[in-house]
């Protein structure tokens, strides 16, 4: 049997992870004027064009490429949910 421990930095809540909170703030600032609804590819392209640090841009890779996101709150919420370990996993 293998035991998997989730590091505190991946606890899934911006309040619990200062790096995540900071990167979400960077994304919020960079994408404040981005038109919604939008897709993951458009968000990544905008961030790259704006020179957003790569660590923050990489958070967008957690988004589903096939979904359309209606707001910045939906985007950041999806990123946080993607970091939460699934029960029983």
N, C-alpha and C. Protein backbone atom coordinates (compact mmCIF):
# COMPACT_ATOMS: atom_id res chain seq x y z
N UNK A 1 0.84 -1.17 0.00
CA UNK A 1 0.00 0.00 0.00
C UNK A 1 0.89 1.24 0.00
N UNK A 2 0.53 2.23 -0.81
CA UNK A 2 1.28 3.46 -0.91
C UNK A 2 0.47 4.59 -0.29
N UNK A 3 1.10 5.37 0.55
CA UNK A 3 0.45 6.52 1.16
C UNK A 3 0.91 7.77 0.42
N UNK A 4 -0.03 8.59 0.04
CA UNK A 4 0.28 9.82 -0.66
C UNK A 4 -0.05 10.98 0.25
N UNK A 5 0.91 11.87 0.43
CA UNK A 5 0.70 13.05 1.25
C UNK A 5 0.61 14.27 0.35
N UNK A 6 -0.38 15.10 0.62
CA UNK A 6 -0.56 16.33 -0.15
C UNK A 6 0.19 17.42 0.57
N UNK A 7 1.10 18.07 -0.13
CA UNK A 7 1.87 19.15 0.46
C UNK A 7 0.96 20.33 0.77
N UNK A 8 1.32 21.10 1.78
CA UNK A 8 0.50 22.25 2.15
C UNK A 8 0.35 23.23 1.00
N UNK A 9 1.36 23.34 0.17
CA UNK A 9 1.28 24.30 -0.94
C UNK A 9 0.24 23.89 -1.97
N UNK A 10 -0.21 22.64 -1.92
CA UNK A 10 -1.24 22.18 -2.85
C UNK A 10 -2.55 21.89 -2.12
N UNK A 11 -2.78 22.58 -1.03
CA UNK A 11 -3.96 22.32 -0.22
C UNK A 11 -5.24 22.72 -0.93
N UNK A 12 -5.16 23.56 -1.96
CA UNK A 12 -6.33 23.86 -2.76
C UNK A 12 -7.07 25.11 -2.39
N UNK A 13 -6.58 25.89 -1.47
CA UNK A 13 -7.23 27.13 -1.09
C UNK A 13 -6.22 28.26 -1.16
N UNK A 14 -6.58 29.36 -1.82
CA UNK A 14 -5.63 30.46 -1.92
C UNK A 14 -5.19 30.97 -0.55
N UNK A 15 -6.07 30.90 0.45
CA UNK A 15 -5.73 31.34 1.79
C UNK A 15 -4.70 30.45 2.46
N UNK A 16 -4.63 29.20 2.05
CA UNK A 16 -3.69 28.25 2.63
C UNK A 16 -2.36 28.24 1.90
N UNK A 17 -2.32 28.77 0.72
CA UNK A 17 -1.11 28.74 -0.11
C UNK A 17 -0.79 30.16 -0.58
N UNK A 18 0.21 30.81 0.04
CA UNK A 18 0.51 32.19 -0.34
C UNK A 18 0.94 32.33 -1.80
N UNK A 19 1.64 31.32 -2.34
CA UNK A 19 2.04 31.39 -3.76
C UNK A 19 0.83 31.36 -4.67
N UNK A 20 -0.12 30.47 -4.37
CA UNK A 20 -1.33 30.39 -5.17
C UNK A 20 -2.10 31.70 -5.09
N UNK A 21 -2.25 32.23 -3.89
CA UNK A 21 -2.98 33.49 -3.72
C UNK A 21 -2.31 34.61 -4.52
N UNK A 22 -0.99 34.68 -4.47
CA UNK A 22 -0.27 35.73 -5.20
C UNK A 22 -0.43 35.55 -6.71
N UNK A 23 -0.34 34.30 -7.17
CA UNK A 23 -0.47 34.05 -8.61
C UNK A 23 -1.90 34.32 -9.10
N UNK A 24 -2.89 34.02 -8.28
CA UNK A 24 -4.27 34.34 -8.67
C UNK A 24 -4.47 35.85 -8.74
N UNK A 25 -3.83 36.60 -7.84
CA UNK A 25 -3.92 38.06 -7.89
C UNK A 25 -3.26 38.60 -9.16
N UNK A 26 -2.12 38.02 -9.54
CA UNK A 26 -1.45 38.42 -10.78
C UNK A 26 -2.38 38.16 -11.97
N UNK A 27 -2.99 36.99 -11.99
CA UNK A 27 -3.92 36.66 -13.08
C UNK A 27 -5.12 37.60 -13.10
N UNK A 28 -5.67 37.89 -11.92
CA UNK A 28 -6.82 38.80 -11.85
C UNK A 28 -6.46 40.18 -12.40
N UNK A 29 -5.30 40.67 -12.04
CA UNK A 29 -4.87 41.99 -12.52
C UNK A 29 -4.64 41.97 -14.03
N UNK A 30 -3.99 40.93 -14.52
CA UNK A 30 -3.67 40.85 -15.94
C UNK A 30 -4.91 40.66 -16.80
N UNK A 31 -5.88 39.92 -16.28
CA UNK A 31 -7.06 39.58 -17.08
C UNK A 31 -8.29 40.43 -16.73
N UNK A 32 -8.09 41.49 -15.99
CA UNK A 32 -9.21 42.34 -15.56
C UNK A 32 -9.99 42.89 -16.75
N UNK A 33 -9.33 43.20 -17.84
CA UNK A 33 -10.00 43.76 -19.02
C UNK A 33 -10.22 42.74 -20.13
N UNK A 34 -9.92 41.47 -19.84
CA UNK A 34 -10.09 40.42 -20.85
C UNK A 34 -11.58 40.21 -21.12
N UNK A 35 -11.96 40.07 -22.40
CA UNK A 35 -13.37 39.86 -22.71
C UNK A 35 -13.84 38.44 -22.36
N UNK A 36 -14.96 38.37 -21.71
CA UNK A 36 -15.60 37.10 -21.37
C UNK A 36 -16.94 37.03 -22.07
N UNK A 37 -17.41 35.85 -22.42
CA UNK A 37 -16.86 34.51 -22.18
C UNK A 37 -15.61 34.27 -23.02
N UNK A 38 -14.81 33.31 -22.53
CA UNK A 38 -13.54 33.01 -23.17
C UNK A 38 -13.12 31.57 -22.90
N UNK A 39 -12.07 31.16 -23.57
CA UNK A 39 -11.55 29.80 -23.42
C UNK A 39 -10.13 29.84 -22.86
N UNK A 40 -9.66 28.70 -22.39
CA UNK A 40 -8.33 28.58 -21.81
C UNK A 40 -7.25 29.12 -22.75
N UNK A 41 -7.30 28.74 -24.01
CA UNK A 41 -6.27 29.17 -24.96
C UNK A 41 -6.19 30.69 -25.07
N UNK A 42 -7.34 31.36 -25.07
CA UNK A 42 -7.37 32.82 -25.16
C UNK A 42 -6.79 33.47 -23.90
N UNK A 43 -7.08 32.87 -22.76
CA UNK A 43 -6.54 33.39 -21.50
C UNK A 43 -5.02 33.27 -21.48
N UNK A 44 -4.53 32.13 -21.88
CA UNK A 44 -3.08 31.91 -21.90
C UNK A 44 -2.41 32.87 -22.89
N UNK A 45 -2.99 33.02 -24.07
CA UNK A 45 -2.43 33.93 -25.07
C UNK A 45 -2.39 35.36 -24.55
N UNK A 46 -3.44 35.79 -23.88
CA UNK A 46 -3.47 37.15 -23.33
C UNK A 46 -2.39 37.34 -22.28
N UNK A 47 -2.25 36.36 -21.40
CA UNK A 47 -1.24 36.47 -20.35
C UNK A 47 0.17 36.50 -20.92
N UNK A 48 0.42 35.67 -21.90
CA UNK A 48 1.75 35.67 -22.53
C UNK A 48 2.02 37.00 -23.21
N UNK A 49 1.03 37.55 -23.89
CA UNK A 49 1.20 38.83 -24.58
C UNK A 49 1.44 39.97 -23.58
N UNK A 50 0.87 39.84 -22.39
CA UNK A 50 1.03 40.88 -21.37
C UNK A 50 2.29 40.69 -20.53
N UNK A 51 3.02 39.60 -20.75
CA UNK A 51 4.24 39.37 -20.01
C UNK A 51 4.03 38.89 -18.58
N UNK A 52 2.90 38.22 -18.36
CA UNK A 52 2.62 37.67 -17.03
C UNK A 52 3.67 36.60 -16.72
N UNK A 53 4.17 36.57 -15.49
CA UNK A 53 5.18 35.55 -15.13
C UNK A 53 4.69 34.13 -15.44
N UNK A 54 5.62 33.31 -15.88
CA UNK A 54 5.25 31.96 -16.34
C UNK A 54 4.61 31.12 -15.25
N UNK A 55 5.00 31.29 -14.00
CA UNK A 55 4.39 30.49 -12.93
C UNK A 55 2.90 30.78 -12.81
N UNK A 56 2.51 32.03 -13.00
CA UNK A 56 1.09 32.39 -12.96
C UNK A 56 0.39 31.86 -14.21
N UNK A 57 1.03 32.01 -15.37
CA UNK A 57 0.45 31.49 -16.63
C UNK A 57 0.21 29.99 -16.56
N UNK A 58 1.13 29.28 -15.92
CA UNK A 58 1.00 27.82 -15.83
C UNK A 58 -0.24 27.40 -15.06
N UNK A 59 -0.72 28.25 -14.16
CA UNK A 59 -1.96 27.93 -13.44
C UNK A 59 -3.13 27.78 -14.41
N UNK A 60 -3.08 28.51 -15.52
CA UNK A 60 -4.16 28.43 -16.51
C UNK A 60 -4.19 27.07 -17.22
N UNK A 61 -3.08 26.35 -17.17
CA UNK A 61 -3.03 25.02 -17.78
C UNK A 61 -3.94 24.04 -17.03
N UNK A 62 -4.34 24.39 -15.81
CA UNK A 62 -5.25 23.54 -15.04
C UNK A 62 -6.69 23.61 -15.55
N UNK A 63 -6.98 24.60 -16.37
CA UNK A 63 -8.35 24.78 -16.88
C UNK A 63 -8.66 23.77 -17.97
N UNK A 64 -9.92 23.45 -18.10
CA UNK A 64 -10.40 22.55 -19.15
C UNK A 64 -10.39 23.32 -20.48
N UNK A 65 -9.70 22.77 -21.47
CA UNK A 65 -9.57 23.44 -22.78
C UNK A 65 -10.90 23.53 -23.51
N UNK A 66 -11.84 22.67 -23.19
CA UNK A 66 -13.09 22.61 -23.95
C UNK A 66 -14.19 23.49 -23.38
N UNK A 67 -13.99 24.00 -22.17
CA UNK A 67 -15.03 24.81 -21.54
C UNK A 67 -14.91 26.28 -21.91
N UNK A 68 -16.04 26.94 -21.85
CA UNK A 68 -16.08 28.39 -22.02
C UNK A 68 -16.30 29.00 -20.64
N UNK A 69 -15.44 29.91 -20.26
CA UNK A 69 -15.50 30.53 -18.94
C UNK A 69 -16.21 31.87 -19.04
N UNK A 70 -17.20 32.06 -18.17
CA UNK A 70 -18.06 33.24 -18.25
C UNK A 70 -17.49 34.46 -17.52
N UNK A 71 -16.57 34.22 -16.59
CA UNK A 71 -16.05 35.35 -15.80
C UNK A 71 -14.68 35.01 -15.23
N UNK A 72 -14.02 36.03 -14.74
CA UNK A 72 -12.73 35.85 -14.10
C UNK A 72 -12.89 35.06 -12.79
N UNK A 73 -13.99 35.26 -12.09
CA UNK A 73 -14.26 34.49 -10.88
C UNK A 73 -14.40 33.01 -11.20
N UNK A 74 -15.04 32.70 -12.32
CA UNK A 74 -15.17 31.30 -12.73
C UNK A 74 -13.80 30.69 -13.06
N UNK A 75 -12.95 31.47 -13.68
CA UNK A 75 -11.60 31.00 -14.03
C UNK A 75 -10.80 30.70 -12.76
N UNK A 76 -10.76 31.66 -11.84
CA UNK A 76 -9.97 31.44 -10.62
C UNK A 76 -10.56 30.33 -9.77
N UNK A 77 -11.88 30.22 -9.74
CA UNK A 77 -12.52 29.13 -9.01
C UNK A 77 -12.17 27.77 -9.58
N UNK A 78 -12.12 27.68 -10.91
CA UNK A 78 -11.77 26.43 -11.57
C UNK A 78 -10.32 26.05 -11.28
N UNK A 79 -9.44 27.03 -11.20
CA UNK A 79 -8.05 26.75 -10.88
C UNK A 79 -7.94 26.19 -9.46
N UNK A 80 -8.61 26.82 -8.51
CA UNK A 80 -8.57 26.35 -7.13
C UNK A 80 -9.17 24.95 -7.02
N UNK A 81 -10.31 24.71 -7.66
CA UNK A 81 -10.93 23.38 -7.62
C UNK A 81 -10.04 22.32 -8.23
N UNK A 82 -9.27 22.67 -9.24
CA UNK A 82 -8.38 21.70 -9.88
C UNK A 82 -7.25 21.26 -8.94
N UNK A 83 -6.97 22.05 -7.93
CA UNK A 83 -5.90 21.75 -6.98
C UNK A 83 -6.38 20.96 -5.77
N UNK A 84 -7.69 20.89 -5.58
CA UNK A 84 -8.24 20.18 -4.42
C UNK A 84 -8.21 18.68 -4.70
N UNK A 85 -7.59 17.91 -3.82
CA UNK A 85 -7.55 16.46 -4.04
C UNK A 85 -8.95 15.87 -3.99
N UNK A 86 -9.19 14.91 -4.86
CA UNK A 86 -10.48 14.24 -4.91
C UNK A 86 -10.60 13.30 -3.71
N UNK A 87 -11.78 13.25 -3.08
CA UNK A 87 -11.96 12.32 -1.96
C UNK A 87 -11.70 10.87 -2.42
N UNK A 88 -10.96 10.16 -1.61
CA UNK A 88 -10.66 8.77 -1.94
C UNK A 88 -9.53 8.59 -2.93
N UNK A 89 -8.95 9.71 -3.37
CA UNK A 89 -7.86 9.59 -4.36
C UNK A 89 -6.53 9.40 -3.69
